[in-house]
Amino acid sequence: MNDNQIDTLIKLPEVCRQAGFGKSAIYEMINAGTFPEPIKLGCASRWSQNEIQTWIEHQKLGRNKIAA
């Protein structure tokens, strides 16, 4: 992350919206090690906006490898 970029912590509903998956699918992928883990803040869970966007970008790159 460069010094000018500020990361934001987002809640699960926003993670679901951005990733296009429901809560159960998100947690299944976390358990499988294929999705960014949440950051625990007491009993609350938040995700790094930058990590979610990086994950999405990797998914987009992967589609090109499968199609080739």
PDB file of N, CA and C in Angstrom:
ATOM      1  N   MET A   1       0.854  -1.177   0.000  1.00  0.00           N
ATOM      2  CA  MET A   1       0.000   0.000   0.000  1.00  0.00           C
ATOM      3  C   MET A   1       0.892   1.229   0.000  1.00  0.00           C
ATOM      4  N   ASN A   2       0.611   2.196  -0.854  1.00  0.00           N
ATOM      5  CA  ASN A   2       1.441   3.392  -0.863  1.00  0.00           C
ATOM      6  C   ASN A   2       0.987   4.344   0.239  1.00  0.00           C
ATOM      7  N   ASP A   3       1.861   5.304   0.576  1.00  0.00           N
ATOM      8  CA  ASP A   3       1.613   6.188   1.710  1.00  0.00           C
ATOM      9  C   ASP A   3       0.395   7.090   1.522  1.00  0.00           C
ATOM     10  N   ASN A   4      -0.023   7.345   0.289  1.00  0.00           N
ATOM     11  CA  ASN A   4      -1.152   8.224   0.027  1.00  0.00           C
ATOM     12  C   ASN A   4      -2.497   7.502   0.055  1.00  0.00           C
ATOM     13  N   GLN A   5      -2.464   6.178   0.112  1.00  0.00           N
ATOM     14  CA  GLN A   5      -3.693   5.399   0.061  1.00  0.00           C
ATOM     15  C   GLN A   5      -4.130   5.043   1.485  1.00  0.00           C
ATOM     16  N   ILE A   6      -5.342   5.394   1.836  1.00  0.00           N
ATOM     17  CA  ILE A   6      -5.887   5.095   3.149  1.00  0.00           C
ATOM     18  C   ILE A   6      -6.802   3.896   3.028  1.00  0.00           C
ATOM     19  N   ASP A   7      -6.595   2.912   3.893  1.00  0.00           N
ATOM     20  CA  ASP A   7      -7.443   1.726   3.906  1.00  0.00           C
ATOM     21  C   ASP A   7      -8.668   2.003   4.776  1.00  0.00           C
ATOM     22  N   THR A   8      -9.766   1.358   4.454  1.00  0.00           N
ATOM     23  CA  THR A   8     -11.003   1.484   5.204  1.00  0.00           C
ATOM     24  C   THR A   8     -11.415   0.103   5.681  1.00  0.00           C
ATOM     25  N   LEU A   9     -11.955   0.020   6.877  1.00  0.00           N
ATOM     26  CA  LEU A   9     -12.486  -1.241   7.378  1.00  0.00           C
ATOM     27  C   LEU A   9     -13.980  -1.268   7.108  1.00  0.00           C
ATOM     28  N   ILE A  10     -14.422  -2.351   6.461  1.00  0.00           N
ATOM     29  CA  ILE A  10     -15.824  -2.443   6.056  1.00  0.00           C
ATOM     30  C   ILE A  10     -16.507  -3.626   6.730  1.00  0.00           C
ATOM     31  N   LYS A  11     -17.829  -3.517   6.865  1.00  0.00           N
ATOM     32  CA  LYS A  11     -18.637  -4.551   7.498  1.00  0.00           C
ATOM     33  C   LYS A  11     -19.002  -5.642   6.491  1.00  0.00           C
ATOM     34  N   LEU A  12     -19.432  -6.775   7.049  1.00  0.00           N
ATOM     35  CA  LEU A  12     -19.777  -7.933   6.225  1.00  0.00           C
ATOM     36  C   LEU A  12     -20.799  -7.646   5.125  1.00  0.00           C
ATOM     37  N   PRO A  13     -21.874  -6.908   5.373  1.00  0.00           N
ATOM     38  CA  PRO A  13     -22.814  -6.656   4.265  1.00  0.00           C
ATOM     39  C   PRO A  13     -22.150  -5.969   3.067  1.00  0.00           C
ATOM     40  N   GLU A  14     -21.217  -5.076   3.325  1.00  0.00           N
ATOM     41  CA  GLU A  14     -20.503  -4.408   2.229  1.00  0.00           C
ATOM     42  C   GLU A  14     -19.540  -5.372   1.542  1.00  0.00           C
ATOM     43  N   VAL A  15     -18.906  -6.254   2.312  1.00  0.00           N
ATOM     44  CA  VAL A  15     -18.034  -7.290   1.730  1.00  0.00           C
ATOM     45  C   VAL A  15     -18.864  -8.165   0.803  1.00  0.00           C
ATOM     46  N   CYS A  16     -20.026  -8.590   1.263  1.00  0.00           N
ATOM     47  CA  CYS A  16     -20.911  -9.428   0.437  1.00  0.00           C
ATOM     48  C   CYS A  16     -21.310  -8.706  -0.845  1.00  0.00           C
ATOM     49  N   ARG A  17     -21.654  -7.445  -0.727  1.00  0.00           N
ATOM     50  CA  ARG A  17     -22.069  -6.660  -1.895  1.00  0.00           C
ATOM     51  C   ARG A  17     -20.943  -6.562  -2.912  1.00  0.00           C
ATOM     52  N   GLN A  18     -19.748  -6.247  -2.443  1.00  0.00           N
ATOM     53  CA  GLN A  18     -18.624  -6.070  -3.358  1.00  0.00           C
ATOM     54  C   GLN A  18     -18.171  -7.382  -3.986  1.00  0.00           C
ATOM     55  N   ALA A  19     -18.134  -8.445  -3.178  1.00  0.00           N
ATOM     56  CA  ALA A  19     -17.655  -9.737  -3.677  1.00  0.00           C
ATOM     57  C   ALA A  19     -18.728 -10.501  -4.439  1.00  0.00           C
ATOM     58  N   GLY A  20     -19.991 -10.171  -4.193  1.00  0.00           N
ATOM     59  CA  GLY A  20     -21.075 -10.845  -4.901  1.00  0.00           C
ATOM     60  C   GLY A  20     -21.435 -12.199  -4.318  1.00  0.00           C
ATOM     61  N   PHE A  21     -21.154 -12.412  -3.036  1.00  0.00           N
ATOM     62  CA  PHE A  21     -21.463 -13.668  -2.366  1.00  0.00           C
ATOM     63  C   PHE A  21     -22.231 -13.384  -1.084  1.00  0.00           C
ATOM     64  N   GLY A  22     -22.954 -14.381  -0.601  1.00  0.00           N
ATOM     65  CA  GLY A  22     -23.645 -14.280   0.675  1.00  0.00           C
ATOM     66  C   GLY A  22     -22.692 -14.535   1.832  1.00  0.00           C
ATOM     67  N   LYS A  23     -23.210 -14.336   3.041  1.00  0.00           N
ATOM     68  CA  LYS A  23     -22.394 -14.494   4.253  1.00  0.00           C
ATOM     69  C   LYS A  23     -21.800 -15.897   4.367  1.00  0.00           C
ATOM     70  N   SER A  24     -22.613 -16.911   4.136  1.00  0.00           N
ATOM     71  CA  SER A  24     -22.142 -18.293   4.277  1.00  0.00           C
ATOM     72  C   SER A  24     -21.005 -18.591   3.307  1.00  0.00           C
ATOM     73  N   ALA A  25     -21.150 -18.143   2.075  1.00  0.00           N
ATOM     74  CA  ALA A  25     -20.103 -18.378   1.076  1.00  0.00           C
ATOM     75  C   ALA A  25     -18.819 -17.652   1.449  1.00  0.00           C
ATOM     76  N   ILE A  26     -18.937 -16.433   1.967  1.00  0.00           N
ATOM     77  CA  ILE A  26     -17.748 -15.684   2.388  1.00  0.00           C
ATOM     78  C   ILE A  26     -17.010 -16.462   3.468  1.00  0.00           C
ATOM     79  N   TYR A  27     -17.745 -16.926   4.485  1.00  0.00           N
ATOM     80  CA  TYR A  27     -17.100 -17.649   5.586  1.00  0.00           C
ATOM     81  C   TYR A  27     -16.563 -19.006   5.141  1.00  0.00           C
ATOM     82  N   GLU A  28     -17.206 -19.660   4.200  1.00  0.00           N
ATOM     83  CA  GLU A  28     -16.670 -20.912   3.645  1.00  0.00           C
ATOM     84  C   GLU A  28     -15.336 -20.654   2.947  1.00  0.00           C
ATOM     85  N   MET A  29     -15.256 -19.571   2.178  1.00  0.00           N
ATOM     86  CA  MET A  29     -14.005 -19.243   1.493  1.00  0.00           C
ATOM     87  C   MET A  29     -12.918 -18.858   2.494  1.00  0.00           C
ATOM     88  N   ILE A  30     -13.289 -18.155   3.557  1.00  0.00           N
ATOM     89  CA  ILE A  30     -12.309 -17.821   4.602  1.00  0.00           C
ATOM     90  C   ILE A  30     -11.760 -19.106   5.208  1.00  0.00           C
ATOM     91  N   ASN A  31     -12.649 -20.046   5.555  1.00  0.00           N
ATOM     92  CA  ASN A  31     -12.220 -21.324   6.136  1.00  0.00           C
ATOM     93  C   ASN A  31     -11.344 -22.125   5.185  1.00  0.00           C
ATOM     94  N   ALA A  32     -11.585 -21.978   3.883  1.00  0.00           N
ATOM     95  CA  ALA A  32     -10.786 -22.677   2.877  1.00  0.00           C
ATOM     96  C   ALA A  32      -9.470 -21.957   2.595  1.00  0.00           C
ATOM     97  N   GLY A  33      -9.323 -20.755   3.136  1.00  0.00           N
ATOM     98  CA  GLY A  33      -8.093 -19.996   2.912  1.00  0.00           C
ATOM     99  C   GLY A  33      -8.043 -19.284   1.580  1.00  0.00           C
ATOM    100  N   THR A  34      -9.205 -19.066   0.964  1.00  0.00           N
ATOM    101  CA  THR A  34      -9.238 -18.443  -0.361  1.00  0.00           C
ATOM    102  C   THR A  34      -9.842 -17.042  -0.357  1.00  0.00           C
ATOM    103  N   PHE A  35     -10.108 -16.505   0.829  1.00  0.00           N
ATOM    104  CA  PHE A  35     -10.695 -15.172   0.945  1.00  0.00           C
ATOM    105  C   PHE A  35     -10.064 -14.481   2.147  1.00  0.00           C
ATOM    106  N   PRO A  36      -9.881 -13.162   2.084  1.00  0.00           N
ATOM    107  CA  PRO A  36      -9.241 -12.448   3.203  1.00  0.00           C
ATOM    108  C   PRO A  36      -9.994 -12.634   4.522  1.00  0.00           C
ATOM    109  N   GLU A  37      -9.232 -12.858   5.572  1.00  0.00           N
ATOM    110  CA  GLU A  37      -9.822 -12.994   6.904  1.00  0.00           C
ATOM    111  C   GLU A  37     -10.212 -11.631   7.457  1.00  0.00           C
ATOM    112  N   PRO A  38     -11.211 -11.616   8.335  1.00  0.00           N
ATOM    113  CA  PRO A  38     -11.594 -10.344   8.949  1.00  0.00           C
ATOM    114  C   PRO A  38     -10.586  -9.915  10.006  1.00  0.00           C
ATOM    115  N   ILE A  39     -10.647  -8.653  10.319  1.00  0.00           N
ATOM    116  CA  ILE A  39      -9.890  -8.079  11.423  1.00  0.00           C
ATOM    117  C   ILE A  39     -10.862  -8.028  12.597  1.00  0.00           C
ATOM    118  N   LYS A  40     -10.477  -8.603  13.718  1.00  0.00           N
ATOM    119  CA  LYS A  40     -11.358  -8.632  14.889  1.00  0.00           C
ATOM    120  C   LYS A  40     -11.135  -7.378  15.718  1.00  0.00           C
ATOM    121  N   LEU A  41     -12.224  -6.677  15.997  1.00  0.00           N
ATOM    122  CA  LEU A  41     -12.211  -5.495  16.854  1.00  0.00           C
ATOM    123  C   LEU A  41     -13.168  -5.791  18.003  1.00  0.00           C
ATOM    124  N   GLY A  42     -12.641  -6.397  19.054  1.00  0.00           N
ATOM    125  CA  GLY A  42     -13.512  -6.870  20.126  1.00  0.00           C
ATOM    126  C   GLY A  42     -14.345  -8.014  19.585  1.00  0.00           C
ATOM    127  N   CYS A  43     -15.657  -7.891  19.657  1.00  0.00           N
ATOM    128  CA  CYS A  43     -16.530  -8.938  19.121  1.00  0.00           C
ATOM    129  C   CYS A  43     -16.959  -8.636  17.679  1.00  0.00           C
ATOM    130  N   ALA A  44     -16.534  -7.512  17.145  1.00  0.00           N
ATOM    131  CA  ALA A  44     -16.898  -7.125  15.779  1.00  0.00           C
ATOM    132  C   ALA A  44     -15.851  -7.610  14.768  1.00  0.00           C
ATOM    133  N   SER A  45     -16.288  -7.881  13.573  1.00  0.00           N
ATOM    134  CA  SER A  45     -15.398  -8.252  12.469  1.00  0.00           C
ATOM    135  C   SER A  45     -15.493  -7.196  11.383  1.00  0.00           C
ATOM    136  N   ARG A  46     -14.340  -6.796  10.879  1.00  0.00           N
ATOM    137  CA  ARG A  46     -14.272  -5.847   9.768  1.00  0.00           C
ATOM    138  C   ARG A  46     -13.233  -6.359   8.778  1.00  0.00           C
ATOM    139  N   TRP A  47     -13.406  -5.994   7.523  1.00  0.00           N
ATOM    140  CA  TRP A  47     -12.473  -6.398   6.477  1.00  0.00           C
ATOM    141  C   TRP A  47     -11.779  -5.181   5.920  1.00  0.00           C
ATOM    142  N   SER A  48     -10.548  -5.391   5.484  1.00  0.00           N
ATOM    143  CA  SER A  48      -9.787  -4.338   4.830  1.00  0.00           C
ATOM    144  C   SER A  48     -10.341  -4.132   3.423  1.00  0.00           C
ATOM    145  N   GLN A  49     -10.741  -2.907   3.121  1.00  0.00           N
ATOM    146  CA  GLN A  49     -11.229  -2.575   1.784  1.00  0.00           C
ATOM    147  C   GLN A  49     -10.166  -2.906   0.743  1.00  0.00           C
ATOM    148  N   ASN A  50      -8.920  -2.591   1.045  1.00  0.00           N
ATOM    149  CA  ASN A  50      -7.830  -2.863   0.097  1.00  0.00           C
ATOM    150  C   ASN A  50      -7.668  -4.359  -0.151  1.00  0.00           C
ATOM    151  N   GLU A  51      -7.775  -5.178   0.887  1.00  0.00           N
ATOM    152  CA  GLU A  51      -7.641  -6.624   0.718  1.00  0.00           C
ATOM    153  C   GLU A  51      -8.788  -7.189  -0.113  1.00  0.00           C
ATOM    154  N   ILE A  52      -9.993  -6.695   0.096  1.00  0.00           N
ATOM    155  CA  ILE A  52     -11.142  -7.168  -0.686  1.00  0.00           C
ATOM    156  C   ILE A  52     -10.972  -6.782  -2.153  1.00  0.00           C
ATOM    157  N   GLN A  53     -10.545  -5.559  -2.422  1.00  0.00           N
ATOM    158  CA  GLN A  53     -10.335  -5.126  -3.808  1.00  0.00           C
ATOM    159  C   GLN A  53      -9.201  -5.912  -4.472  1.00  0.00           C
ATOM    160  N   THR A  54      -8.152  -6.219  -3.720  1.00  0.00           N
ATOM    161  CA  THR A  54      -7.051  -7.039  -4.252  1.00  0.00           C
ATOM    162  C   THR A  54      -7.559  -8.431  -4.583  1.00  0.00           C
ATOM    163  N   TRP A  55      -8.398  -9.005  -3.713  1.00  0.00           N
ATOM    164  CA  TRP A  55      -8.969 -10.325  -3.970  1.00  0.00           C
ATOM    165  C   TRP A  55      -9.802 -10.300  -5.255  1.00  0.00           C
ATOM    166  N   ILE A  56     -10.615  -9.267  -5.420  1.00  0.00           N
ATOM    167  CA  ILE A  56     -11.440  -9.138  -6.629  1.00  0.00           C
ATOM    168  C   ILE A  56     -10.548  -9.047  -7.871  1.00  0.00           C
ATOM    169  N   GLU A  57      -9.495  -8.260  -7.796  1.00  0.00           N
ATOM    170  CA  GLU A  57      -8.576  -8.129  -8.933  1.00  0.00           C
ATOM    171  C   GLU A  57      -7.931  -9.471  -9.279  1.00  0.00           C
ATOM    172  N   HIS A  58      -7.565 -10.259  -8.281  1.00  0.00           N
ATOM    173  CA  HIS A  58      -6.996 -11.591  -8.533  1.00  0.00           C
ATOM    174  C   HIS A  58      -8.011 -12.510  -9.196  1.00  0.00           C
ATOM    175  N   GLN A  59      -9.272 -12.391  -8.811  1.00  0.00           N
ATOM    176  CA  GLN A  59     -10.313 -13.196  -9.448  1.00  0.00           C
ATOM    177  C   GLN A  59     -10.439 -12.829 -10.920  1.00  0.00           C
ATOM    178  N   LYS A  60     -10.360 -11.552 -11.211  1.00  0.00           N
ATOM    179  CA  LYS A  60     -10.451 -11.096 -12.601  1.00  0.00           C
ATOM    180  C   LYS A  60      -9.262 -11.588 -13.414  1.00  0.00           C
ATOM    181  N   LEU A  61      -8.080 -11.584 -12.831  1.00  0.00           N
ATOM    182  CA  LEU A  61      -6.900 -12.082 -13.527  1.00  0.00           C
ATOM    183  C   LEU A  61      -7.002 -13.583 -13.778  1.00  0.00           C
ATOM    184  N   GLY A  62      -7.575 -14.318 -12.818  1.00  0.00           N
ATOM    185  CA  GLY A  62      -7.710 -15.762 -12.945  1.00  0.00           C
ATOM    186  C   GLY A  62      -8.624 -16.187 -14.070  1.00  0.00           C
ATOM    187  N   ARG A  63      -9.608 -15.386 -14.396  1.00  0.00           N
ATOM    188  CA  ARG A  63     -10.523 -15.764 -15.480  1.00  0.00           C
ATOM    189  C   ARG A  63      -9.802 -15.805 -16.815  1.00  0.00           C
ATOM    190  N   ASN A  64      -8.790 -14.976 -16.978  1.00  0.00           N
ATOM    191  CA  ASN A  64      -8.023 -14.971 -18.236  1.00  0.00           C
ATOM    192  C   ASN A  64      -7.187 -16.235 -18.377  1.00  0.00           C
ATOM    193  N   LYS A  65      -6.701 -16.778 -17.264  1.00  0.00           N
ATOM    194  CA  LYS A  65      -5.887 -18.005 -17.311  1.00  0.00           C
ATOM    195  C   LYS A  65      -6.739 -19.209 -17.672  1.00  0.00           C
ATOM    196  N   ILE A  66      -7.970 -19.250 -17.154  1.00  0.00           N
ATOM    197  CA  ILE A  66      -8.858 -20.385 -17.418  1.00  0.00           C
ATOM    198  C   ILE A  66      -9.300 -20.375 -18.881  1.00  0.00           C
ATOM    199  N   ALA A  67      -9.567 -19.188 -19.418  1.00  0.00           N
ATOM    200  CA  ALA A  67     -10.063 -19.069 -20.799  1.00  0.00           C
ATOM    201  C   ALA A  67      -8.970 -19.358 -21.819  1.00  0.00           C
ATOM    202  N   ALA A  68      -7.712 -19.208 -21.421  1.00  0.00           N
ATOM    203  CA  ALA A  68      -6.606 -19.384 -22.377  1.00  0.00           C
ATOM    204  C   ALA A  68      -6.359 -20.825 -22.720  1.00  0.00           C
TER     205      ALA A  68
END
